[in-house]
Amino acid sequence: MYAREYGEGTSIVLRLMEPYIGSGRTVVADSAFASGKTLVQLEAQRGLYFMGIVKTATAEFPKATLKA
């Protein structure tokens, strides 16, 4: 359902968290599931918080953030 739009890791997290949308819970995930997309989708779109180690050596990580 989400895999085409967000990628495999993010889609797994979003699918598993569907019953908790809007609950304000905190999702804790390892680096296999942590990404900027996951963070934005959970916090901004679904009312959940996210904590995880995001790998900065990926193509999707904004380079401007690394220079700051």
PDB file of N, CA and C in Angstrom:
ATOM      1  N   MET A   1       0.819  -1.191   0.000  1.00  0.00           N
ATOM      2  CA  MET A   1       0.000   0.000   0.000  1.00  0.00           C
ATOM      3  C   MET A   1       0.865   1.259   0.000  1.00  0.00           C
ATOM      4  N   TYR A   2       1.846   1.335   0.892  1.00  0.00           N
ATOM      5  CA  TYR A   2       2.716   2.507   0.971  1.00  0.00           C
ATOM      6  C   TYR A   2       4.053   2.313   0.261  1.00  0.00           C
ATOM      7  N   ALA A   3       4.398   1.094  -0.120  1.00  0.00           N
ATOM      8  CA  ALA A   3       5.742   0.769  -0.599  1.00  0.00           C
ATOM      9  C   ALA A   3       6.161   1.582  -1.814  1.00  0.00           C
ATOM     10  N   ARG A   4       5.294   1.775  -2.751  1.00  0.00           N
ATOM     11  CA  ARG A   4       5.665   2.526  -3.961  1.00  0.00           C
ATOM     12  C   ARG A   4       5.961   3.983  -3.665  1.00  0.00           C
ATOM     13  N   GLU A   5       5.205   4.552  -2.753  1.00  0.00           N
ATOM     14  CA  GLU A   5       5.355   5.980  -2.465  1.00  0.00           C
ATOM     15  C   GLU A   5       6.493   6.282  -1.495  1.00  0.00           C
ATOM     16  N   TYR A   6       6.688   5.441  -0.474  1.00  0.00           N
ATOM     17  CA  TYR A   6       7.627   5.764   0.599  1.00  0.00           C
ATOM     18  C   TYR A   6       8.836   4.841   0.707  1.00  0.00           C
ATOM     19  N   GLY A   7       8.836   3.705   0.070  1.00  0.00           N
ATOM     20  CA  GLY A   7       9.930   2.758   0.212  1.00  0.00           C
ATOM     21  C   GLY A   7       9.587   1.680   1.231  1.00  0.00           C
ATOM     22  N   GLU A   8      10.372   0.642   1.238  1.00  0.00           N
ATOM     23  CA  GLU A   8      10.067  -0.544   2.039  1.00  0.00           C
ATOM     24  C   GLU A   8      10.056  -0.296   3.549  1.00  0.00           C
ATOM     25  N   GLY A   9      11.119   0.304   4.081  1.00  0.00           N
ATOM     26  CA  GLY A   9      11.212   0.514   5.528  1.00  0.00           C
ATOM     27  C   GLY A   9      10.112   1.403   6.070  1.00  0.00           C
ATOM     28  N   THR A  10       9.900   2.534   5.413  1.00  0.00           N
ATOM     29  CA  THR A  10       8.855   3.458   5.841  1.00  0.00           C
ATOM     30  C   THR A  10       7.480   2.827   5.715  1.00  0.00           C
ATOM     31  N   SER A  11       7.258   2.087   4.647  1.00  0.00           N
ATOM     32  CA  SER A  11       5.941   1.478   4.450  1.00  0.00           C
ATOM     33  C   SER A  11       5.615   0.462   5.541  1.00  0.00           C
ATOM     34  N   ILE A  12       6.603  -0.267   6.006  1.00  0.00           N
ATOM     35  CA  ILE A  12       6.386  -1.230   7.093  1.00  0.00           C
ATOM     36  C   ILE A  12       5.975  -0.503   8.367  1.00  0.00           C
ATOM     37  N   VAL A  13       6.687   0.560   8.697  1.00  0.00           N
ATOM     38  CA  VAL A  13       6.377   1.325   9.903  1.00  0.00           C
ATOM     39  C   VAL A  13       4.973   1.930   9.808  1.00  0.00           C
ATOM     40  N   LEU A  14       4.643   2.527   8.679  1.00  0.00           N
ATOM     41  CA  LEU A  14       3.329   3.148   8.522  1.00  0.00           C
ATOM     42  C   LEU A  14       2.210   2.118   8.630  1.00  0.00           C
ATOM     43  N   ARG A  15       2.408   0.972   8.036  1.00  0.00           N
ATOM     44  CA  ARG A  15       1.390  -0.081   8.076  1.00  0.00           C
ATOM     45  C   ARG A  15       1.178  -0.587   9.508  1.00  0.00           C
ATOM     46  N   LEU A  16       2.272  -0.774  10.241  1.00  0.00           N
ATOM     47  CA  LEU A  16       2.164  -1.266  11.616  1.00  0.00           C
ATOM     48  C   LEU A  16       1.559  -0.236  12.573  1.00  0.00           C
ATOM     49  N   MET A  17       1.730   1.035  12.275  1.00  0.00           N
ATOM     50  CA  MET A  17       1.258   2.088  13.170  1.00  0.00           C
ATOM     51  C   MET A  17      -0.141   2.585  12.855  1.00  0.00           C
ATOM     52  N   GLU A  18      -0.784   2.054  11.830  1.00  0.00           N
ATOM     53  CA  GLU A  18      -2.134   2.501  11.468  1.00  0.00           C
ATOM     54  C   GLU A  18      -3.123   2.493  12.630  1.00  0.00           C
ATOM     55  N   PRO A  19      -3.136   1.459  13.490  1.00  0.00           N
ATOM     56  CA  PRO A  19      -4.106   1.477  14.600  1.00  0.00           C
ATOM     57  C   PRO A  19      -3.851   2.582  15.632  1.00  0.00           C
ATOM     58  N   TYR A  20      -2.675   3.186  15.601  1.00  0.00           N
ATOM     59  CA  TYR A  20      -2.293   4.165  16.619  1.00  0.00           C
ATOM     60  C   TYR A  20      -2.286   5.602  16.109  1.00  0.00           C
ATOM     61  N   ILE A  21      -2.768   5.840  14.895  1.00  0.00           N
ATOM     62  CA  ILE A  21      -2.772   7.189  14.318  1.00  0.00           C
ATOM     63  C   ILE A  21      -3.489   8.158  15.255  1.00  0.00           C
ATOM     64  N   GLY A  22      -2.832   9.287  15.511  1.00  0.00           N
ATOM     65  CA  GLY A  22      -3.403  10.326  16.347  1.00  0.00           C
ATOM     66  C   GLY A  22      -3.316  10.089  17.842  1.00  0.00           C
ATOM     67  N   SER A  23      -2.672   9.016  18.264  1.00  0.00           N
ATOM     68  CA  SER A  23      -2.623   8.688  19.697  1.00  0.00           C
ATOM     69  C   SER A  23      -1.514   9.419  20.443  1.00  0.00           C
ATOM     70  N   GLY A  24      -0.574  10.037  19.713  1.00  0.00           N
ATOM     71  CA  GLY A  24       0.521  10.748  20.357  1.00  0.00           C
ATOM     72  C   GLY A  24       1.597   9.842  20.917  1.00  0.00           C
ATOM     73  N   ARG A  25       1.580   8.579  20.546  1.00  0.00           N
ATOM     74  CA  ARG A  25       2.600   7.634  21.027  1.00  0.00           C
ATOM     75  C   ARG A  25       3.933   7.881  20.336  1.00  0.00           C
ATOM     76  N   THR A  26       4.985   7.331  20.916  1.00  0.00           N
ATOM     77  CA  THR A  26       6.317   7.438  20.346  1.00  0.00           C
ATOM     78  C   THR A  26       6.716   6.105  19.740  1.00  0.00           C
ATOM     79  N   VAL A  27       7.136   6.145  18.478  1.00  0.00           N
ATOM     80  CA  VAL A  27       7.607   4.964  17.769  1.00  0.00           C
ATOM     81  C   VAL A  27       9.127   4.959  17.851  1.00  0.00           C
ATOM     82  N   VAL A  28       9.705   3.859  18.297  1.00  0.00           N
ATOM     83  CA  VAL A  28      11.158   3.716  18.381  1.00  0.00           C
ATOM     84  C   VAL A  28      11.569   2.650  17.376  1.00  0.00           C
ATOM     85  N   ALA A  29      12.513   2.997  16.481  1.00  0.00           N
ATOM     86  CA  ALA A  29      12.926   2.059  15.438  1.00  0.00           C
ATOM     87  C   ALA A  29      14.434   2.117  15.241  1.00  0.00           C
ATOM     88  N   ASP A  30      14.990   1.028  14.738  1.00  0.00           N
ATOM     89  CA  ASP A  30      16.421   1.026  14.449  1.00  0.00           C
ATOM     90  C   ASP A  30      16.665   1.650  13.070  1.00  0.00           C
ATOM     91  N   SER A  31      17.913   1.717  12.664  1.00  0.00           N
ATOM     92  CA  SER A  31      18.281   2.428  11.443  1.00  0.00           C
ATOM     93  C   SER A  31      17.720   1.801  10.174  1.00  0.00           C
ATOM     94  N   ALA A  32      17.305   0.555  10.209  1.00  0.00           N
ATOM     95  CA  ALA A  32      16.717  -0.079   9.026  1.00  0.00           C
ATOM     96  C   ALA A  32      15.369   0.548   8.675  1.00  0.00           C
ATOM     97  N   PHE A  33      14.695   1.117   9.652  1.00  0.00           N
ATOM     98  CA  PHE A  33      13.369   1.678   9.442  1.00  0.00           C
ATOM     99  C   PHE A  33      13.325   3.187   9.616  1.00  0.00           C
ATOM    100  N   ALA A  34      14.414   3.792  10.040  1.00  0.00           N
ATOM    101  CA  ALA A  34      14.452   5.230  10.305  1.00  0.00           C
ATOM    102  C   ALA A  34      14.894   5.996   9.058  1.00  0.00           C
ATOM    103  N   SER A  35      14.129   7.010   8.727  1.00  0.00           N
ATOM    104  CA  SER A  35      14.487   7.890   7.620  1.00  0.00           C
ATOM    105  C   SER A  35      13.752   9.210   7.791  1.00  0.00           C
ATOM    106  N   GLY A  36      14.149  10.175   7.006  1.00  0.00           N
ATOM    107  CA  GLY A  36      13.455  11.454   7.041  1.00  0.00           C
ATOM    108  C   GLY A  36      11.997  11.311   6.639  1.00  0.00           C
ATOM    109  N   LYS A  37      11.745  10.446   5.662  1.00  0.00           N
ATOM    110  CA  LYS A  37      10.369  10.207   5.220  1.00  0.00           C
ATOM    111  C   LYS A  37       9.522   9.612   6.342  1.00  0.00           C
ATOM    112  N   THR A  38      10.103   8.672   7.075  1.00  0.00           N
ATOM    113  CA  THR A  38       9.380   8.047   8.178  1.00  0.00           C
ATOM    114  C   THR A  38       9.030   9.092   9.230  1.00  0.00           C
ATOM    115  N   LEU A  39       9.998   9.915   9.581  1.00  0.00           N
ATOM    116  CA  LEU A  39       9.788  10.966  10.577  1.00  0.00           C
ATOM    117  C   LEU A  39       8.665  11.908  10.165  1.00  0.00           C
ATOM    118  N   VAL A  40       8.730  12.416   8.956  1.00  0.00           N
ATOM    119  CA  VAL A  40       7.732  13.376   8.485  1.00  0.00           C
ATOM    120  C   VAL A  40       6.344  12.743   8.441  1.00  0.00           C
ATOM    121  N   GLN A  41       6.259  11.544   7.925  1.00  0.00           N
ATOM    122  CA  GLN A  41       4.952  10.897   7.806  1.00  0.00           C
ATOM    123  C   GLN A  41       4.330  10.600   9.167  1.00  0.00           C
ATOM    124  N   LEU A  42       5.134  10.157  10.104  1.00  0.00           N
ATOM    125  CA  LEU A  42       4.586   9.840  11.424  1.00  0.00           C
ATOM    126  C   LEU A  42       4.219  11.090  12.216  1.00  0.00           C
ATOM    127  N   GLU A  43       5.109  12.056  12.264  1.00  0.00           N
ATOM    128  CA  GLU A  43       4.869  13.232  13.100  1.00  0.00           C
ATOM    129  C   GLU A  43       3.899  14.226  12.468  1.00  0.00           C
ATOM    130  N   ALA A  44       4.121  14.583  11.236  1.00  0.00           N
ATOM    131  CA  ALA A  44       3.302  15.625  10.617  1.00  0.00           C
ATOM    132  C   ALA A  44       1.958  15.106  10.122  1.00  0.00           C
ATOM    133  N   GLN A  45       1.927  13.910   9.603  1.00  0.00           N
ATOM    134  CA  GLN A  45       0.720  13.410   8.960  1.00  0.00           C
ATOM    135  C   GLN A  45      -0.132  12.490   9.832  1.00  0.00           C
ATOM    136  N   ARG A  46       0.481  11.845  10.837  1.00  0.00           N
ATOM    137  CA  ARG A  46      -0.255  10.821  11.565  1.00  0.00           C
ATOM    138  C   ARG A  46      -0.322  11.027  13.080  1.00  0.00           C
ATOM    139  N   GLY A  47       0.209  12.120  13.591  1.00  0.00           N
ATOM    140  CA  GLY A  47       0.086  12.423  15.013  1.00  0.00           C
ATOM    141  C   GLY A  47       0.849  11.486  15.931  1.00  0.00           C
ATOM    142  N   LEU A  48       1.969  10.959  15.445  1.00  0.00           N
ATOM    143  CA  LEU A  48       2.828  10.087  16.249  1.00  0.00           C
ATOM    144  C   LEU A  48       4.218  10.704  16.308  1.00  0.00           C
ATOM    145  N   TYR A  49       4.970  10.363  17.339  1.00  0.00           N
ATOM    146  CA  TYR A  49       6.352  10.825  17.462  1.00  0.00           C
ATOM    147  C   TYR A  49       7.278   9.703  17.030  1.00  0.00           C
ATOM    148  N   PHE A  50       8.487  10.072  16.651  1.00  0.00           N
ATOM    149  CA  PHE A  50       9.427   9.066  16.139  1.00  0.00           C
ATOM    150  C   PHE A  50      10.803   9.278  16.727  1.00  0.00           C
ATOM    151  N   MET A  51      11.438   8.184  17.119  1.00  0.00           N
ATOM    152  CA  MET A  51      12.804   8.227  17.624  1.00  0.00           C
ATOM    153  C   MET A  51      13.579   7.091  16.968  1.00  0.00           C
ATOM    154  N   GLY A  52      14.693   7.431  16.331  1.00  0.00           N
ATOM    155  CA  GLY A  52      15.514   6.421  15.693  1.00  0.00           C
ATOM    156  C   GLY A  52      16.763   7.050  15.103  1.00  0.00           C
ATOM    157  N   ILE A  53      17.739   6.240  14.817  1.00  0.00           N
ATOM    158  CA  ILE A  53      18.994   6.718  14.239  1.00  0.00           C
ATOM    159  C   ILE A  53      18.833   6.758  12.719  1.00  0.00           C
ATOM    160  N   VAL A  54      18.940   7.958  12.161  1.00  0.00           N
ATOM    161  CA  VAL A  54      18.805   8.135  10.719  1.00  0.00           C
ATOM    162  C   VAL A  54      20.198   8.179  10.113  1.00  0.00           C
ATOM    163  N   LYS A  55      20.432   7.328   9.149  1.00  0.00           N
ATOM    164  CA  LYS A  55      21.728   7.317   8.464  1.00  0.00           C
ATOM    165  C   LYS A  55      21.822   8.550   7.571  1.00  0.00           C
ATOM    166  N   THR A  56      22.896   9.307   7.735  1.00  0.00           N
ATOM    167  CA  THR A  56      23.064  10.529   6.950  1.00  0.00           C
ATOM    168  C   THR A  56      23.749  10.276   5.615  1.00  0.00           C
ATOM    169  N   ALA A  57      24.266   9.091   5.400  1.00  0.00           N
ATOM    170  CA  ALA A  57      24.966   8.780   4.151  1.00  0.00           C
ATOM    171  C   ALA A  57      24.021   8.140   3.135  1.00  0.00           C
ATOM    172  N   THR A  58      22.820   8.682   3.018  1.00  0.00           N
ATOM    173  CA  THR A  58      21.865   8.180   2.044  1.00  0.00           C
ATOM    174  C   THR A  58      21.499   9.290   1.076  1.00  0.00           C
ATOM    175  N   ALA A  59      21.018   8.921  -0.085  1.00  0.00           N
ATOM    176  CA  ALA A  59      20.674   9.905  -1.117  1.00  0.00           C
ATOM    177  C   ALA A  59      19.515  10.802  -0.689  1.00  0.00           C
ATOM    178  N   GLU A  60      18.607  10.286   0.135  1.00  0.00           N
ATOM    179  CA  GLU A  60      17.438  11.087   0.509  1.00  0.00           C
ATOM    180  C   GLU A  60      17.711  12.080   1.625  1.00  0.00           C
ATOM    181  N   PHE A  61      18.847  11.969   2.314  1.00  0.00           N
ATOM    182  CA  PHE A  61      19.145  12.886   3.412  1.00  0.00           C
ATOM    183  C   PHE A  61      19.563  14.237   2.835  1.00  0.00           C
ATOM    184  N   PRO A  62      18.953  15.345   3.285  1.00  0.00           N
ATOM    185  CA  PRO A  62      19.272  16.663   2.726  1.00  0.00           C
ATOM    186  C   PRO A  62      20.712  17.093   3.020  1.00  0.00           C
ATOM    187  N   LYS A  63      21.461  17.373   1.979  1.00  0.00           N
ATOM    188  CA  LYS A  63      22.864  17.758   2.126  1.00  0.00           C
ATOM    189  C   LYS A  63      23.025  19.080   2.867  1.00  0.00           C
ATOM    190  N   ALA A  64      22.059  19.963   2.774  1.00  0.00           N
ATOM    191  CA  ALA A  64      22.131  21.249   3.476  1.00  0.00           C
ATOM    192  C   ALA A  64      22.163  21.040   4.992  1.00  0.00           C
ATOM    193  N   THR A  65      21.525  20.002   5.471  1.00  0.00           N
ATOM    194  CA  THR A  65      21.517  19.701   6.898  1.00  0.00           C
ATOM    195  C   THR A  65      22.897  19.292   7.375  1.00  0.00           C
ATOM    196  N   LEU A  66      23.632  18.565   6.551  1.00  0.00           N
ATOM    197  CA  LEU A  66      24.974  18.123   6.925  1.00  0.00           C
ATOM    198  C   LEU A  66      25.959  19.281   7.001  1.00  0.00           C
ATOM    199  N   LYS A  67      25.769  20.296   6.178  1.00  0.00           N
ATOM    200  CA  LYS A  67      26.677  21.436   6.153  1.00  0.00           C
ATOM    201  C   LYS A  67      26.422  22.405   7.293  1.00  0.00           C
ATOM    202  N   ALA A  68      25.262  22.345   7.892  1.00  0.00           N
ATOM    203  CA  ALA A  68      24.890  23.298   8.955  1.00  0.00           C
ATOM    204  C   ALA A  68      25.658  23.040  10.227  1.00  0.00           C
TER     205      ALA A  68
END
